[in-house]
Every structure is written in structure tokens, then in C-alpha cells.
């Protein structure tokens, strides 16, 4: 992978490389320990509700900041190359969307947090609507980043990375689309699609960092 990466971009790329691992570890720890949480019924965003909701809120904020900082590293590493303009912008939008999604939380529902009545909430609060809007912006940017990176790697002659990049974009679209349609275990497909794309974005940052 030929890049214009310099030593000054390495700390910035490190931030992006750490973003997805932080997201995965914090989410997984909560999925395994939060009472009443069931990933087959509850989206990861719902972890931001309840007395321990601050953990997921902090997770959203931390990962969002890491991607925003990492966007500057991506800009330096990919400058002048196909995808070098939009990949950093989209990474920054992903980060901003995640921060907003943490600030504006979902409503409790379907038995979570523990003690919440079964079934969906009777109505959506303004902050739950804002959460959905923020998440949608982040998902669109994340999917687009996958396709832009696909072009970047195709031009660089790395066919495997190009295919993986495009698959990451497709995973976000399919995972979110199935969840939005009310499909069975939509929360699982949403988590799998979004997380896989976040991981790939962090992997790309790590690879670029290695070329410094």
C-alpha cells in the first residue's frame, strides 16, 4: 500500500485504529453482564439506558472522538489519492454521528433496563428520535466509506482489500435494512453489520499507520 503517510500522522491513525477495538470490548462486556439485556431483542444502543447507561454513552463518545481524530490521520495518509478526500470526511461524520447517538439516548423498552415492561415503548421521545437520526447519519457515512475505500484499494492494486471494503459497506446496508424492516433478530444483524464495518475502518487505519 503506497501512501504519503508521515510520522506526524501515526498518532492520529492510532486513534482510528483503536476505535473499533474499544467499541467491541466495551459493548461485549455489557452484553455479557447487564441484567435483562438480550442482543436478539435489544440493539446495542439500548445499553445507554438505565443506571449503568453512562458506560455506553461514554463508549459512544470515546469511539466518536477517536474516529474524528483518526480522520485527520487518514487525510494525511491518503492525500492526493482516489478516496483520499472523502474517506477522512466520512470517518469524521461517523465519529460525529456516534457522539450524537450517545448524547441522545434511546427509550427503555422490551424489558430493558431490568424492570421495564415488555414490548416496545408506547411512544418515542424527542431524544430517541434524535438518536435514530444520528445513527442513520453515521450508518450512511460508514457504508459510503466502505465503497470509497473499495475504489481506493482497487486503484492501489489491492483487490482483496477492495472486496473487503465493499463487503463492509454492504454489511451496514443489509444489517440496518433488515433491522429497520422489523426482521427477526434485526438487532443482531444491525450489530454485526455496523461492527464489522467499524472494525474494517480501524484495520485500514492500522495498515496505513504501519506504512509510516
C-alpha atoms as a PDB file:
ATOM      1  CA  UNK A   1       0.000   0.000   0.000  1.00  0.00           C
ATOM      2  CA  UNK A   2       1.693   3.194  -1.165  1.00  0.00           C
ATOM      3  CA  UNK A   3       0.757   6.262   0.853  1.00  0.00           C
ATOM      4  CA  UNK A   4       2.052   9.673   1.789  1.00  0.00           C
ATOM      5  CA  UNK A   5       1.875   8.766   5.459  1.00  0.00           C
ATOM      6  CA  UNK A   6       4.390  10.631   7.622  1.00  0.00           C
ATOM      7  CA  UNK A   7       5.426  10.113  11.210  1.00  0.00           C
ATOM      8  CA  UNK A   8       3.209  13.034  12.267  1.00  0.00           C
ATOM      9  CA  UNK A   9       0.089  11.134  11.198  1.00  0.00           C
ATOM     10  CA  UNK A  10       0.891   7.999  13.173  1.00  0.00           C
ATOM     11  CA  UNK A  11      -0.699   9.099  16.488  1.00  0.00           C
ATOM     12  CA  UNK A  12      -3.795  10.249  14.597  1.00  0.00           C
ATOM     13  CA  UNK A  13      -4.086   6.928  12.769  1.00  0.00           C
ATOM     14  CA  UNK A  14      -3.551   5.112  16.051  1.00  0.00           C
ATOM     15  CA  UNK A  15      -6.705   6.793  17.364  1.00  0.00           C
ATOM     16  CA  UNK A  16      -8.754   5.421  14.479  1.00  0.00           C
ATOM     17  CA  UNK A  17      -7.106   2.013  14.810  1.00  0.00           C
ATOM     18  CA  UNK A  18      -8.149   1.840  18.484  1.00  0.00           C
ATOM     19  CA  UNK A  19     -11.734   2.989  17.913  1.00  0.00           C
ATOM     20  CA  UNK A  20     -13.313  -0.313  16.866  1.00  0.00           C
ATOM     21  CA  UNK A  21     -11.492  -2.454  19.458  1.00  0.00           C
ATOM     22  CA  UNK A  22     -12.718  -0.099  22.199  1.00  0.00           C
ATOM     23  CA  UNK A  23     -16.263  -0.327  20.818  1.00  0.00           C
ATOM     24  CA  UNK A  24     -16.211  -4.128  20.628  1.00  0.00           C
ATOM     25  CA  UNK A  25     -14.702  -4.714  24.079  1.00  0.00           C
ATOM     26  CA  UNK A  26     -16.992  -2.286  25.918  1.00  0.00           C
ATOM     27  CA  UNK A  27     -20.118  -3.480  24.125  1.00  0.00           C
ATOM     28  CA  UNK A  28     -19.298  -7.158  24.610  1.00  0.00           C
ATOM     29  CA  UNK A  29     -18.611  -6.669  28.316  1.00  0.00           C
ATOM     30  CA  UNK A  30     -22.016  -5.065  28.746  1.00  0.00           C
ATOM     31  CA  UNK A  31     -23.859  -7.626  26.624  1.00  0.00           C
ATOM     32  CA  UNK A  32     -22.489 -10.351  28.891  1.00  0.00           C
ATOM     33  CA  UNK A  33     -23.103  -8.597  32.198  1.00  0.00           C
ATOM     34  CA  UNK A  34     -26.038  -6.172  32.000  1.00  0.00           C
ATOM     35  CA  UNK A  35     -29.095  -7.736  33.632  1.00  0.00           C
ATOM     36  CA  UNK A  36     -32.009  -8.202  31.243  1.00  0.00           C
ATOM     37  CA  UNK A  37     -30.108  -7.343  28.072  1.00  0.00           C
ATOM     38  CA  UNK A  38     -30.685  -9.729  25.156  1.00  0.00           C
ATOM     39  CA  UNK A  39     -28.908  -8.903  21.897  1.00  0.00           C
ATOM     40  CA  UNK A  40     -31.509 -10.867  19.938  1.00  0.00           C
ATOM     41  CA  UNK A  41     -34.127  -8.334  21.073  1.00  0.00           C
ATOM     42  CA  UNK A  42     -32.261  -5.212  22.148  1.00  0.00           C
ATOM     43  CA  UNK A  43     -29.976  -3.046  19.988  1.00  0.00           C
ATOM     44  CA  UNK A  44     -26.589  -2.125  21.395  1.00  0.00           C
ATOM     45  CA  UNK A  45     -27.764   1.469  21.656  1.00  0.00           C
ATOM     46  CA  UNK A  46     -30.223   0.472  24.356  1.00  0.00           C
ATOM     47  CA  UNK A  47     -27.291  -0.196  26.662  1.00  0.00           C
ATOM     48  CA  UNK A  48     -27.197   3.590  27.096  1.00  0.00           C
ATOM     49  CA  UNK A  49     -30.386   3.438  29.175  1.00  0.00           C
ATOM     50  CA  UNK A  50     -30.725   2.649  32.876  1.00  0.00           C
ATOM     51  CA  UNK A  51     -28.445   3.301  35.822  1.00  0.00           C
ATOM     52  CA  UNK A  52     -25.372   1.950  34.033  1.00  0.00           C
ATOM     53  CA  UNK A  53     -26.241   3.630  30.770  1.00  0.00           C
ATOM     54  CA  UNK A  54     -23.393   6.094  31.250  1.00  0.00           C
ATOM     55  CA  UNK A  55     -20.978   3.319  30.257  1.00  0.00           C
ATOM     56  CA  UNK A  56     -22.422   3.029  26.751  1.00  0.00           C
ATOM     57  CA  UNK A  57     -22.820   6.789  26.482  1.00  0.00           C
ATOM     58  CA  UNK A  58     -19.114   7.129  27.279  1.00  0.00           C
ATOM     59  CA  UNK A  59     -18.387   4.358  24.766  1.00  0.00           C
ATOM     60  CA  UNK A  60     -20.217   6.245  22.024  1.00  0.00           C
ATOM     61  CA  UNK A  61     -18.404   9.468  22.902  1.00  0.00           C
ATOM     62  CA  UNK A  62     -14.946   7.900  23.154  1.00  0.00           C
ATOM     63  CA  UNK A  63     -15.205   5.976  19.909  1.00  0.00           C
ATOM     64  CA  UNK A  64     -16.656   9.006  18.155  1.00  0.00           C
ATOM     65  CA  UNK A  65     -13.753  11.193  19.253  1.00  0.00           C
ATOM     66  CA  UNK A  66     -11.234   8.526  18.201  1.00  0.00           C
ATOM     67  CA  UNK A  67     -12.708   8.404  14.694  1.00  0.00           C
ATOM     68  CA  UNK A  68     -12.795  12.195  14.398  1.00  0.00           C
ATOM     69  CA  UNK A  69      -9.142  12.418  15.444  1.00  0.00           C
ATOM     70  CA  UNK A  70      -8.310   9.500  13.180  1.00  0.00           C
ATOM     71  CA  UNK A  71      -9.945  11.267  10.238  1.00  0.00           C
ATOM     72  CA  UNK A  72      -7.083  13.776  10.254  1.00  0.00           C
ATOM     73  CA  UNK A  73      -4.620  10.903  10.087  1.00  0.00           C
ATOM     74  CA  UNK A  74      -6.497   9.351   7.178  1.00  0.00           C
ATOM     75  CA  UNK A  75      -6.429  12.688   5.379  1.00  0.00           C
ATOM     76  CA  UNK A  76      -2.654  12.875   5.715  1.00  0.00           C
ATOM     77  CA  UNK A  77      -2.079   9.240   4.767  1.00  0.00           C
ATOM     78  CA  UNK A  78      -4.391   9.229   1.738  1.00  0.00           C
ATOM     79  CA  UNK A  79      -3.778  12.750   0.462  1.00  0.00           C
ATOM     80  CA  UNK A  80      -3.814  13.060  -3.323  1.00  0.00           C
ATOM     81  CA  UNK A  81      -5.104   9.534  -3.927  1.00  0.00           C
ATOM     82  CA  UNK A  82      -8.523   8.237  -5.013  1.00  0.00           C
ATOM     83  CA  UNK A  83     -10.705   8.252  -1.928  1.00  0.00           C
ATOM     84  CA  UNK A  84      -8.253  10.470  -0.084  1.00  0.00           C
ATOM     85  CA  UNK A  85     -10.741  13.309   0.172  1.00  0.00           C
ATOM     86  CA  UNK A  86     -13.923  11.502   1.111  1.00  0.00           C
ATOM     87  CA  UNK A  87     -12.654   8.689   3.321  1.00  0.00           C
ATOM     88  CA  UNK A  88     -11.453  11.120   6.036  1.00  0.00           C
ATOM     89  CA  UNK A  89     -14.627  13.183   5.752  1.00  0.00           C
ATOM     90  CA  UNK A  90     -16.824  10.122   6.088  1.00  0.00           C
ATOM     91  CA  UNK A  91     -14.788   8.835   9.043  1.00  0.00           C
ATOM     92  CA  UNK A  92     -15.293  12.194  10.727  1.00  0.00           C
ATOM     93  CA  UNK A  93     -19.035  12.036  10.075  1.00  0.00           C
ATOM     94  CA  UNK A  94     -19.143   8.533  11.554  1.00  0.00           C
ATOM     95  CA  UNK A  95     -17.444   9.871  14.668  1.00  0.00           C
ATOM     96  CA  UNK A  96     -19.755  12.875  14.974  1.00  0.00           C
ATOM     97  CA  UNK A  97     -22.788  10.646  14.465  1.00  0.00           C
ATOM     98  CA  UNK A  98     -21.660   8.303  17.214  1.00  0.00           C
ATOM     99  CA  UNK A  99     -21.140  11.157  19.649  1.00  0.00           C
ATOM    100  CA  UNK A 100     -24.616  12.483  18.896  1.00  0.00           C
ATOM    101  CA  UNK A 101     -26.087   8.990  19.245  1.00  0.00           C
ATOM    102  CA  UNK A 102     -24.580   8.826  22.724  1.00  0.00           C
ATOM    103  CA  UNK A 103     -25.885  12.234  23.730  1.00  0.00           C
ATOM    104  CA  UNK A 104     -29.404  11.443  22.508  1.00  0.00           C
ATOM    105  CA  UNK A 105     -30.323   8.076  24.016  1.00  0.00           C
ATOM    106  CA  UNK A 106     -32.988   5.548  23.123  1.00  0.00           C
ATOM    107  CA  UNK A 107     -36.038   4.972  25.299  1.00  0.00           C
ATOM    108  CA  UNK A 108     -36.191   1.977  27.639  1.00  0.00           C
ATOM    109  CA  UNK A 109     -38.246  -0.846  26.151  1.00  0.00           C
ATOM    110  CA  UNK A 110     -38.970  -4.528  25.763  1.00  0.00           C
ATOM    111  CA  UNK A 111     -37.836  -5.441  29.266  1.00  0.00           C
ATOM    112  CA  UNK A 112     -34.613  -3.421  29.328  1.00  0.00           C
ATOM    113  CA  UNK A 113     -33.363  -1.999  31.580  1.00  0.00           C
ATOM    114  CA  UNK A 114     -34.489  -4.658  34.036  1.00  0.00           C
ATOM    115  CA  UNK A 115     -37.970  -3.862  35.285  1.00  0.00           C
ATOM    116  CA  UNK A 116     -39.109  -2.144  32.084  1.00  0.00           C
ATOM    117  CA  UNK A 117     -42.427  -3.551  30.783  1.00  0.00           C
ATOM    118  CA  UNK A 118     -42.246  -5.997  27.899  1.00  0.00           C
ATOM    119  CA  UNK A 119     -42.922  -4.731  24.406  1.00  0.00           C
ATOM    120  CA  UNK A 120     -41.947  -1.505  22.645  1.00  0.00           C
ATOM    121  CA  UNK A 121     -42.449   1.848  24.388  1.00  0.00           C
ATOM    122  CA  UNK A 122     -45.836   3.480  23.898  1.00  0.00           C
ATOM    123  CA  UNK A 123     -44.247   6.385  22.051  1.00  0.00           C
ATOM    124  CA  UNK A 124     -40.865   7.806  21.086  1.00  0.00           C
ATOM    125  CA  UNK A 125     -39.301  10.665  23.000  1.00  0.00           C
ATOM    126  CA  UNK A 126     -37.592  13.534  21.197  1.00  0.00           C
ATOM    127  CA  UNK A 127     -34.181  12.228  22.215  1.00  0.00           C
ATOM    128  CA  UNK A 128     -34.987   8.745  20.863  1.00  0.00           C
ATOM    129  CA  UNK A 129     -35.913  10.315  17.525  1.00  0.00           C
ATOM    130  CA  UNK A 130     -32.673  12.319  17.587  1.00  0.00           C
ATOM    131  CA  UNK A 131     -30.798   9.100  18.357  1.00  0.00           C
ATOM    132  CA  UNK A 132     -32.270   7.377  15.315  1.00  0.00           C
ATOM    133  CA  UNK A 133     -31.416  10.356  13.112  1.00  0.00           C
ATOM    134  CA  UNK A 134     -27.840  10.479  14.438  1.00  0.00           C
ATOM    135  CA  UNK A 135     -27.405   6.755  13.990  1.00  0.00           C
ATOM    136  CA  UNK A 136     -28.746   6.902  10.448  1.00  0.00           C
ATOM    137  CA  UNK A 137     -26.228   9.597   9.516  1.00  0.00           C
ATOM    138  CA  UNK A 138     -23.395   7.524  10.995  1.00  0.00           C
ATOM    139  CA  UNK A 139     -24.554   4.345   9.221  1.00  0.00           C
ATOM    140  CA  UNK A 140     -24.838   6.073   5.841  1.00  0.00           C
ATOM    141  CA  UNK A 141     -21.361   7.557   6.223  1.00  0.00           C
ATOM    142  CA  UNK A 142     -19.936   4.210   7.350  1.00  0.00           C
ATOM    143  CA  UNK A 143     -21.432   2.362   4.383  1.00  0.00           C
ATOM    144  CA  UNK A 144     -20.225   5.063   1.988  1.00  0.00           C
ATOM    145  CA  UNK A 145     -16.720   4.855   3.476  1.00  0.00           C
ATOM    146  CA  UNK A 146     -16.644   1.166   2.613  1.00  0.00           C
ATOM    147  CA  UNK A 147     -17.384   1.844  -1.050  1.00  0.00           C
ATOM    148  CA  UNK A 148     -14.951   4.773  -1.229  1.00  0.00           C
ATOM    149  CA  UNK A 149     -12.222   2.604   0.289  1.00  0.00           C
ATOM    150  CA  UNK A 150     -13.098  -0.063  -2.262  1.00  0.00           C
ATOM    151  CA  UNK A 151     -12.177   2.405  -5.006  1.00  0.00           C
ATOM    152  CA  UNK A 152      -9.033   3.433  -3.142  1.00  0.00           C
ATOM    153  CA  UNK A 153      -7.767  -0.123  -2.834  1.00  0.00           C
ATOM    154  CA  UNK A 154      -8.767  -1.002  -6.393  1.00  0.00           C
ATOM    155  CA  UNK A 155      -6.607   1.844  -7.686  1.00  0.00           C
ATOM    156  CA  UNK A 156      -3.807   0.693  -5.368  1.00  0.00           C
ATOM    157  CA  UNK A 157      -3.982  -2.811  -6.843  1.00  0.00           C
ATOM    158  CA  UNK A 158      -5.078  -4.477  -3.599  1.00  0.00           C
ATOM    159  CA  UNK A 159      -8.048  -6.495  -4.814  1.00  0.00           C
ATOM    160  CA  UNK A 160      -8.613  -8.339  -1.542  1.00  0.00           C
ATOM    161  CA  UNK A 161      -8.852  -5.134   0.474  1.00  0.00           C
ATOM    162  CA  UNK A 162     -11.089  -3.620  -2.198  1.00  0.00           C
ATOM    163  CA  UNK A 163     -13.519  -6.525  -1.931  1.00  0.00           C
ATOM    164  CA  UNK A 164     -13.498  -6.467   1.879  1.00  0.00           C
ATOM    165  CA  UNK A 165     -14.127  -2.703   1.850  1.00  0.00           C
ATOM    166  CA  UNK A 166     -17.174  -3.063  -0.375  1.00  0.00           C
ATOM    167  CA  UNK A 167     -18.455  -6.003   1.645  1.00  0.00           C
ATOM    168  CA  UNK A 168     -18.193  -3.840   4.772  1.00  0.00           C
ATOM    169  CA  UNK A 169     -20.373  -1.227   3.107  1.00  0.00           C
ATOM    170  CA  UNK A 170     -22.899  -3.857   2.044  1.00  0.00           C
ATOM    171  CA  UNK A 171     -22.926  -5.325   5.567  1.00  0.00           C
ATOM    172  CA  UNK A 172     -24.012  -1.986   7.033  1.00  0.00           C
ATOM    173  CA  UNK A 173     -26.786  -1.576   4.468  1.00  0.00           C
ATOM    174  CA  UNK A 174     -28.114  -5.122   4.855  1.00  0.00           C
ATOM    175  CA  UNK A 175     -27.805  -5.201   8.640  1.00  0.00           C
ATOM    176  CA  UNK A 176     -29.525  -1.860   9.130  1.00  0.00           C
ATOM    177  CA  UNK A 177     -32.088  -2.518   6.422  1.00  0.00           C
ATOM    178  CA  UNK A 178     -33.137  -5.824   7.958  1.00  0.00           C
ATOM    179  CA  UNK A 179     -33.411  -4.257  11.407  1.00  0.00           C
ATOM    180  CA  UNK A 180     -35.458  -1.313  10.101  1.00  0.00           C
ATOM    181  CA  UNK A 181     -37.813  -3.681   8.305  1.00  0.00           C
ATOM    182  CA  UNK A 182     -38.613  -5.413  11.607  1.00  0.00           C
ATOM    183  CA  UNK A 183     -36.869  -8.602  10.536  1.00  0.00           C
ATOM    184  CA  UNK A 184     -36.284 -11.374  13.040  1.00  0.00           C
ATOM    185  CA  UNK A 185     -33.181 -10.765  15.175  1.00  0.00           C
ATOM    186  CA  UNK A 186     -32.696  -7.412  13.477  1.00  0.00           C
ATOM    187  CA  UNK A 187     -30.719  -6.142  16.444  1.00  0.00           C
ATOM    188  CA  UNK A 188     -28.164  -8.885  15.785  1.00  0.00           C
ATOM    189  CA  UNK A 189     -27.835  -8.134  12.069  1.00  0.00           C
ATOM    190  CA  UNK A 190     -27.539  -4.427  12.834  1.00  0.00           C
ATOM    191  CA  UNK A 191     -24.802  -5.010  15.417  1.00  0.00           C
ATOM    192  CA  UNK A 192     -22.944  -7.422  13.119  1.00  0.00           C
ATOM    193  CA  UNK A 193     -23.102  -5.175  10.059  1.00  0.00           C
ATOM    194  CA  UNK A 194     -22.112  -1.950  11.768  1.00  0.00           C
ATOM    195  CA  UNK A 195     -19.426  -3.522  13.960  1.00  0.00           C
ATOM    196  CA  UNK A 196     -17.787  -5.335  11.053  1.00  0.00           C
ATOM    197  CA  UNK A 197     -17.558  -2.067   9.099  1.00  0.00           C
ATOM    198  CA  UNK A 198     -16.170  -0.199  12.119  1.00  0.00           C
ATOM    199  CA  UNK A 199     -13.562  -2.914  12.565  1.00  0.00           C
ATOM    200  CA  UNK A 200     -12.550  -2.681   8.922  1.00  0.00           C
ATOM    201  CA  UNK A 201     -12.179   1.102   9.144  1.00  0.00           C
ATOM    202  CA  UNK A 202      -9.885   0.618  12.141  1.00  0.00           C
ATOM    203  CA  UNK A 203      -7.935  -2.070  10.277  1.00  0.00           C
ATOM    204  CA  UNK A 204      -7.397   0.294   7.362  1.00  0.00           C
ATOM    205  CA  UNK A 205      -6.113   2.970   9.742  1.00  0.00           C
ATOM    206  CA  UNK A 206      -3.769   0.429  11.315  1.00  0.00           C
ATOM    207  CA  UNK A 207      -2.415  -0.624   7.907  1.00  0.00           C
ATOM    208  CA  UNK A 208      -1.816   2.969   6.905  1.00  0.00           C
ATOM    209  CA  UNK A 209      -0.095   3.592  10.228  1.00  0.00           C
ATOM    210  CA  UNK A 210       2.243   0.695   9.517  1.00  0.00           C
ATOM    211  CA  UNK A 211       3.382   2.387   6.316  1.00  0.00           C
ATOM    212  CA  UNK A 212       4.574   5.472   8.184  1.00  0.00           C
END
